[in-house]
Amino acid sequence: MMKEQPSLSLEELQEKVDHWIQTIGNGYFSELTNMSVLMEEVGELARYMSRIYGEQSFKQSISDQEAKEKCSDEMADVLWVLLCLANQTDTNLMEAFHKNLQKKTQRDRERHAQNPKLNERKTE
């Protein structure tokens, strides 16, 4: 059984990835390479999501548990490469996230509450 890991902030995750890259990974890929890798990983995640939650099916039968584990692994791959890109571009993701949340809150405070498409889903 795997030991439960402590929660880490985005800043701590960025530091952890940077340490791994510098000590084990032998340096970062270029930003452009990592952007391409990010798109590849998002595509792999999309493939699992469409088969688990959408109408597509797997070519070979796998259990629901195995499918969800694969999906979780792909999400972690996406996060890993995003953290790499943030480190490479001197982006503090925690700071960027909070700014983005504030922007969305101000912009969308009324917009989503007044969206009839979203309100229909609540009554179904």
N, C-alpha and C. Protein backbone atom coordinates (compact mmCIF):
# COMPACT_ATOMS: atom_id res chain seq x y z
N MET A 1 0.84 -1.18 0.00
CA MET A 1 0.00 0.00 0.00
C MET A 1 0.89 1.25 0.00
N MET A 2 0.50 2.22 -0.80
CA MET A 2 1.27 3.44 -0.94
C MET A 2 1.02 4.37 0.23
N LYS A 3 2.10 4.95 0.77
CA LYS A 3 1.99 5.89 1.88
C LYS A 3 1.36 7.19 1.38
N GLU A 4 0.42 7.72 2.14
CA GLU A 4 -0.24 8.98 1.75
C GLU A 4 0.77 10.12 1.81
N GLN A 5 0.77 10.92 0.75
CA GLN A 5 1.70 12.03 0.63
C GLN A 5 1.08 13.29 1.24
N PRO A 6 1.93 14.16 1.81
CA PRO A 6 1.39 15.41 2.35
C PRO A 6 0.95 16.33 1.22
N SER A 7 0.00 17.20 1.51
CA SER A 7 -0.43 18.20 0.54
C SER A 7 0.69 19.22 0.35
N LEU A 8 0.86 19.64 -0.90
CA LEU A 8 1.88 20.62 -1.22
C LEU A 8 1.23 21.79 -1.95
N SER A 9 1.76 22.98 -1.75
CA SER A 9 1.29 24.13 -2.51
C SER A 9 1.83 24.02 -3.93
N LEU A 10 1.30 24.83 -4.83
CA LEU A 10 1.83 24.86 -6.19
C LEU A 10 3.29 25.28 -6.18
N GLU A 11 3.64 26.23 -5.32
CA GLU A 11 5.04 26.66 -5.21
C GLU A 11 5.94 25.50 -4.80
N GLU A 12 5.48 24.71 -3.84
CA GLU A 12 6.26 23.54 -3.40
C GLU A 12 6.36 22.50 -4.52
N LEU A 13 5.27 22.33 -5.27
CA LEU A 13 5.32 21.41 -6.40
C LEU A 13 6.32 21.89 -7.45
N GLN A 14 6.31 23.19 -7.74
CA GLN A 14 7.26 23.73 -8.69
C GLN A 14 8.70 23.49 -8.22
N GLU A 15 8.95 23.69 -6.93
CA GLU A 15 10.28 23.44 -6.38
C GLU A 15 10.66 21.96 -6.48
N LYS A 16 9.71 21.09 -6.19
CA LYS A 16 9.95 19.65 -6.24
C LYS A 16 10.29 19.20 -7.67
N VAL A 17 9.55 19.71 -8.64
CA VAL A 17 9.81 19.37 -10.05
C VAL A 17 11.18 19.91 -10.46
N ASP A 18 11.47 21.16 -10.08
CA ASP A 18 12.76 21.73 -10.44
C ASP A 18 13.91 20.93 -9.85
N HIS A 19 13.77 20.53 -8.60
CA HIS A 19 14.81 19.71 -7.97
C HIS A 19 15.00 18.40 -8.72
N TRP A 20 13.90 17.75 -9.08
CA TRP A 20 13.99 16.49 -9.82
C TRP A 20 14.66 16.71 -11.18
N ILE A 21 14.25 17.74 -11.88
CA ILE A 21 14.81 18.04 -13.20
C ILE A 21 16.32 18.29 -13.09
N GLN A 22 16.73 19.03 -12.08
CA GLN A 22 18.15 19.38 -11.92
C GLN A 22 19.00 18.21 -11.45
N THR A 23 18.41 17.29 -10.67
CA THR A 23 19.22 16.22 -10.08
C THR A 23 19.08 14.88 -10.79
N ILE A 24 17.92 14.60 -11.35
CA ILE A 24 17.67 13.31 -11.98
C ILE A 24 17.40 13.46 -13.47
N GLY A 25 16.66 14.48 -13.83
CA GLY A 25 16.22 14.65 -15.22
C GLY A 25 17.26 15.20 -16.17
N ASN A 26 18.40 15.63 -15.64
CA ASN A 26 19.49 16.14 -16.48
C ASN A 26 19.11 17.41 -17.24
N GLY A 27 18.26 18.24 -16.64
CA GLY A 27 17.90 19.52 -17.23
C GLY A 27 16.56 19.49 -17.94
N TYR A 28 16.05 20.67 -18.18
CA TYR A 28 14.75 20.82 -18.84
C TYR A 28 14.88 20.62 -20.34
N PHE A 29 13.82 20.09 -20.96
CA PHE A 29 13.68 20.19 -22.40
C PHE A 29 13.44 21.66 -22.72
N SER A 30 13.57 22.05 -23.96
CA SER A 30 13.27 23.43 -24.32
C SER A 30 11.80 23.73 -24.05
N GLU A 31 11.47 25.00 -23.94
CA GLU A 31 10.09 25.41 -23.71
C GLU A 31 9.18 24.92 -24.84
N LEU A 32 9.67 25.02 -26.06
CA LEU A 32 8.85 24.58 -27.20
C LEU A 32 8.63 23.07 -27.16
N THR A 33 9.66 22.31 -26.82
CA THR A 33 9.50 20.86 -26.68
C THR A 33 8.50 20.55 -25.58
N ASN A 34 8.64 21.22 -24.44
CA ASN A 34 7.70 20.97 -23.34
C ASN A 34 6.27 21.38 -23.70
N MET A 35 6.12 22.42 -24.50
CA MET A 35 4.77 22.79 -24.95
C MET A 35 4.18 21.68 -25.80
N SER A 36 5.00 21.09 -26.66
CA SER A 36 4.54 19.98 -27.49
C SER A 36 4.21 18.75 -26.63
N VAL A 37 5.04 18.50 -25.63
CA VAL A 37 4.80 17.37 -24.72
C VAL A 37 3.50 17.61 -23.96
N LEU A 38 3.26 18.85 -23.54
CA LEU A 38 2.01 19.17 -22.84
C LEU A 38 0.80 18.85 -23.71
N MET A 39 0.85 19.24 -24.97
CA MET A 39 -0.27 18.96 -25.88
C MET A 39 -0.46 17.45 -26.05
N GLU A 40 0.64 16.73 -26.13
CA GLU A 40 0.56 15.27 -26.25
C GLU A 40 -0.10 14.67 -25.01
N GLU A 41 0.31 15.13 -23.84
CA GLU A 41 -0.26 14.61 -22.59
C GLU A 41 -1.74 14.97 -22.46
N VAL A 42 -2.12 16.18 -22.85
CA VAL A 42 -3.53 16.57 -22.83
C VAL A 42 -4.34 15.67 -23.76
N GLY A 43 -3.76 15.34 -24.92
CA GLY A 43 -4.44 14.43 -25.85
C GLY A 43 -4.64 13.06 -25.25
N GLU A 44 -3.63 12.56 -24.54
CA GLU A 44 -3.77 11.25 -23.89
C GLU A 44 -4.84 11.30 -22.81
N LEU A 45 -4.88 12.38 -22.06
CA LEU A 45 -5.93 12.56 -21.05
C LEU A 45 -7.30 12.60 -21.71
N ALA A 46 -7.40 13.32 -22.82
CA ALA A 46 -8.68 13.43 -23.53
C ALA A 46 -9.15 12.05 -24.01
N ARG A 47 -8.22 11.24 -24.46
CA ARG A 47 -8.59 9.89 -24.92
C ARG A 47 -9.21 9.09 -23.78
N TYR A 48 -8.61 9.12 -22.60
CA TYR A 48 -9.17 8.38 -21.46
C TYR A 48 -10.50 8.98 -21.01
N MET A 49 -10.57 10.30 -20.96
CA MET A 49 -11.82 10.95 -20.53
C MET A 49 -12.97 10.59 -21.47
N SER A 50 -12.70 10.58 -22.78
CA SER A 50 -13.77 10.29 -23.73
C SER A 50 -14.24 8.84 -23.63
N ARG A 51 -13.36 7.97 -23.20
CA ARG A 51 -13.74 6.57 -23.07
C ARG A 51 -14.38 6.26 -21.72
N ILE A 52 -13.98 6.97 -20.69
CA ILE A 52 -14.55 6.73 -19.37
C ILE A 52 -15.90 7.46 -19.22
N TYR A 53 -15.95 8.72 -19.65
CA TYR A 53 -17.13 9.55 -19.40
C TYR A 53 -17.94 9.85 -20.66
N GLY A 54 -17.40 9.54 -21.82
CA GLY A 54 -18.08 9.83 -23.07
C GLY A 54 -18.63 8.58 -23.72
N GLU A 55 -18.88 8.69 -24.99
CA GLU A 55 -19.52 7.60 -25.73
C GLU A 55 -18.52 6.60 -26.34
N GLN A 56 -17.25 6.96 -26.40
CA GLN A 56 -16.29 6.03 -26.99
C GLN A 56 -15.99 4.89 -26.04
N SER A 57 -15.53 3.78 -26.60
CA SER A 57 -15.17 2.63 -25.78
C SER A 57 -13.70 2.29 -26.00
N PHE A 58 -13.15 1.56 -25.05
CA PHE A 58 -11.77 1.11 -25.17
C PHE A 58 -11.67 0.00 -26.20
N LYS A 59 -10.55 -0.08 -26.90
CA LYS A 59 -10.35 -1.16 -27.88
C LYS A 59 -10.25 -2.50 -27.18
N GLN A 60 -9.58 -2.51 -26.03
CA GLN A 60 -9.49 -3.72 -25.23
C GLN A 60 -10.20 -3.46 -23.91
N SER A 61 -10.82 -4.48 -23.38
CA SER A 61 -11.57 -4.33 -22.14
C SER A 61 -10.61 -4.08 -20.98
N ILE A 62 -10.86 -3.00 -20.23
CA ILE A 62 -10.13 -2.75 -18.98
C ILE A 62 -11.15 -2.40 -17.91
N SER A 63 -10.77 -2.65 -16.68
CA SER A 63 -11.69 -2.40 -15.57
C SER A 63 -11.87 -0.90 -15.36
N ASP A 64 -12.98 -0.55 -14.72
CA ASP A 64 -13.24 0.86 -14.40
C ASP A 64 -12.11 1.42 -13.54
N GLN A 65 -11.65 0.61 -12.59
CA GLN A 65 -10.57 1.04 -11.69
C GLN A 65 -9.29 1.31 -12.48
N GLU A 66 -8.93 0.41 -13.38
CA GLU A 66 -7.73 0.59 -14.19
C GLU A 66 -7.86 1.83 -15.08
N ALA A 67 -9.02 2.04 -15.65
CA ALA A 67 -9.25 3.20 -16.51
C ALA A 67 -9.10 4.50 -15.72
N LYS A 68 -9.65 4.54 -14.52
CA LYS A 68 -9.55 5.74 -13.69
C LYS A 68 -8.11 5.98 -13.23
N GLU A 69 -7.37 4.90 -12.97
CA GLU A 69 -5.96 5.04 -12.60
C GLU A 69 -5.15 5.61 -13.77
N LYS A 70 -5.45 5.13 -14.98
CA LYS A 70 -4.76 5.65 -16.17
C LYS A 70 -5.10 7.13 -16.35
N CYS A 71 -6.35 7.48 -16.15
CA CYS A 71 -6.79 8.87 -16.28
C CYS A 71 -6.06 9.74 -15.24
N SER A 72 -5.97 9.27 -14.01
CA SER A 72 -5.26 10.01 -12.97
C SER A 72 -3.79 10.19 -13.34
N ASP A 73 -3.18 9.15 -13.88
CA ASP A 73 -1.78 9.23 -14.29
C ASP A 73 -1.59 10.26 -15.39
N GLU A 74 -2.52 10.32 -16.34
CA GLU A 74 -2.43 11.31 -17.42
C GLU A 74 -2.61 12.72 -16.87
N MET A 75 -3.50 12.90 -15.89
CA MET A 75 -3.65 14.21 -15.27
C MET A 75 -2.34 14.64 -14.60
N ALA A 76 -1.70 13.69 -13.93
CA ALA A 76 -0.42 13.99 -13.28
C ALA A 76 0.65 14.35 -14.32
N ASP A 77 0.64 13.67 -15.46
CA ASP A 77 1.57 14.01 -16.54
C ASP A 77 1.35 15.43 -17.03
N VAL A 78 0.09 15.83 -17.19
CA VAL A 78 -0.24 17.18 -17.63
C VAL A 78 0.28 18.18 -16.59
N LEU A 79 0.02 17.92 -15.32
CA LEU A 79 0.47 18.81 -14.25
C LEU A 79 1.99 18.92 -14.24
N TRP A 80 2.68 17.80 -14.40
CA TRP A 80 4.15 17.77 -14.39
C TRP A 80 4.71 18.71 -15.46
N VAL A 81 4.23 18.56 -16.68
CA VAL A 81 4.78 19.36 -17.77
C VAL A 81 4.39 20.83 -17.60
N LEU A 82 3.20 21.10 -17.10
CA LEU A 82 2.80 22.47 -16.82
C LEU A 82 3.71 23.10 -15.77
N LEU A 83 4.05 22.34 -14.75
CA LEU A 83 4.97 22.82 -13.72
C LEU A 83 6.35 23.10 -14.33
N CYS A 84 6.80 22.24 -15.23
CA CYS A 84 8.07 22.47 -15.92
C CYS A 84 8.03 23.79 -16.68
N LEU A 85 6.97 23.98 -17.45
CA LEU A 85 6.84 25.21 -18.23
C LEU A 85 6.79 26.45 -17.33
N ALA A 86 6.10 26.34 -16.23
CA ALA A 86 6.04 27.46 -15.29
C ALA A 86 7.44 27.79 -14.76
N ASN A 87 8.19 26.77 -14.41
CA ASN A 87 9.55 26.99 -13.93
C ASN A 87 10.41 27.64 -15.01
N GLN A 88 10.28 27.15 -16.22
CA GLN A 88 11.10 27.66 -17.31
C GLN A 88 10.78 29.10 -17.67
N THR A 89 9.56 29.53 -17.44
CA THR A 89 9.13 30.88 -17.81
C THR A 89 9.02 31.81 -16.60
N ASP A 90 9.59 31.36 -15.48
CA ASP A 90 9.56 32.14 -14.23
C ASP A 90 8.15 32.56 -13.84
N THR A 91 7.23 31.63 -13.98
CA THR A 91 5.84 31.86 -13.59
C THR A 91 5.56 31.20 -12.24
N ASN A 92 5.09 31.98 -11.30
CA ASN A 92 4.65 31.45 -10.02
C ASN A 92 3.19 31.06 -10.20
N LEU A 93 2.93 29.76 -10.30
CA LEU A 93 1.58 29.30 -10.60
C LEU A 93 0.58 29.64 -9.50
N MET A 94 1.01 29.65 -8.26
CA MET A 94 0.09 30.00 -7.17
C MET A 94 -0.37 31.44 -7.33
N GLU A 95 0.57 32.32 -7.58
CA GLU A 95 0.24 33.72 -7.79
C GLU A 95 -0.63 33.90 -9.03
N ALA A 96 -0.26 33.23 -10.11
CA ALA A 96 -1.04 33.33 -11.36
C ALA A 96 -2.45 32.78 -11.16
N PHE A 97 -2.58 31.70 -10.40
CA PHE A 97 -3.89 31.12 -10.15
C PHE A 97 -4.79 32.09 -9.40
N HIS A 98 -4.25 32.71 -8.36
CA HIS A 98 -5.06 33.64 -7.57
C HIS A 98 -5.50 34.85 -8.40
N LYS A 99 -4.61 35.36 -9.23
CA LYS A 99 -4.97 36.47 -10.12
C LYS A 99 -6.05 36.02 -11.10
N ASN A 100 -5.92 34.81 -11.62
CA ASN A 100 -6.88 34.30 -12.58
C ASN A 100 -8.24 34.08 -11.93
N LEU A 101 -8.25 33.57 -10.71
CA LEU A 101 -9.50 33.35 -9.99
C LEU A 101 -10.21 34.68 -9.74
N GLN A 102 -9.45 35.69 -9.37
CA GLN A 102 -10.02 37.01 -9.14
C GLN A 102 -10.62 37.57 -10.44
N LYS A 103 -9.89 37.41 -11.54
CA LYS A 103 -10.39 37.88 -12.84
C LYS A 103 -11.69 37.18 -13.20
N LYS A 104 -11.72 35.86 -13.05
CA LYS A 104 -12.93 35.09 -13.38
C LYS A 104 -14.10 35.48 -12.49
N THR A 105 -13.82 35.70 -11.22
CA THR A 105 -14.88 36.07 -10.28
C THR A 105 -15.50 37.40 -10.67
N GLN A 106 -14.67 38.38 -10.98
CA GLN A 106 -15.19 39.69 -11.38
C GLN A 106 -15.93 39.62 -12.70
N ARG A 107 -15.37 38.90 -13.66
CA ARG A 107 -15.95 38.84 -15.00
C ARG A 107 -17.22 38.00 -15.04
N ASP A 108 -17.25 36.90 -14.30
CA ASP A 108 -18.31 35.91 -14.45
C ASP A 108 -19.30 35.85 -13.29
N ARG A 109 -19.17 36.77 -12.35
CA ARG A 109 -20.04 36.74 -11.16
C ARG A 109 -21.51 36.62 -11.54
N GLU A 110 -21.98 37.43 -12.46
CA GLU A 110 -23.38 37.41 -12.87
C GLU A 110 -23.62 36.55 -14.11
N ARG A 111 -22.62 36.46 -14.95
CA ARG A 111 -22.77 35.79 -16.25
C ARG A 111 -23.27 34.34 -16.11
N HIS A 112 -22.65 33.57 -15.26
CA HIS A 112 -23.04 32.16 -15.13
C HIS A 112 -24.36 32.00 -14.40
N ALA A 113 -24.62 32.88 -13.44
CA ALA A 113 -25.89 32.82 -12.71
C ALA A 113 -27.07 33.10 -13.63
N GLN A 114 -26.83 33.86 -14.69
CA GLN A 114 -27.90 34.23 -15.62
C GLN A 114 -27.90 33.38 -16.89
N ASN A 115 -27.07 32.37 -16.94
CA ASN A 115 -26.98 31.53 -18.13
C ASN A 115 -28.12 30.49 -18.10
N PRO A 116 -29.09 30.59 -19.00
CA PRO A 116 -30.22 29.66 -18.98
C PRO A 116 -29.80 28.20 -19.21
N LYS A 117 -28.73 27.99 -19.95
CA LYS A 117 -28.26 26.62 -20.19
C LYS A 117 -27.80 25.97 -18.89
N LEU A 118 -27.11 26.74 -18.06
CA LEU A 118 -26.66 26.20 -16.78
C LEU A 118 -27.82 26.03 -15.82
N ASN A 119 -28.76 26.95 -15.85
CA ASN A 119 -29.92 26.86 -14.95
C ASN A 119 -30.81 25.67 -15.29
N GLU A 120 -30.89 25.32 -16.58
CA GLU A 120 -31.66 24.13 -17.00
C GLU A 120 -31.07 22.87 -16.39
N ARG A 121 -29.75 22.79 -16.36
CA ARG A 121 -29.09 21.59 -15.80
C ARG A 121 -29.39 21.43 -14.34
N LYS A 122 -29.54 22.52 -13.62
CA LYS A 122 -29.81 22.46 -12.17
C LYS A 122 -31.19 21.90 -11.88
N THR A 123 -32.14 22.10 -12.81
CA THR A 123 -33.51 21.64 -12.56
C THR A 123 -33.75 20.24 -13.07
N GLU A 124 -32.81 19.69 -13.82
CA GLU A 124 -33.01 18.33 -14.39
C GLU A 124 -32.79 17.26 -13.35
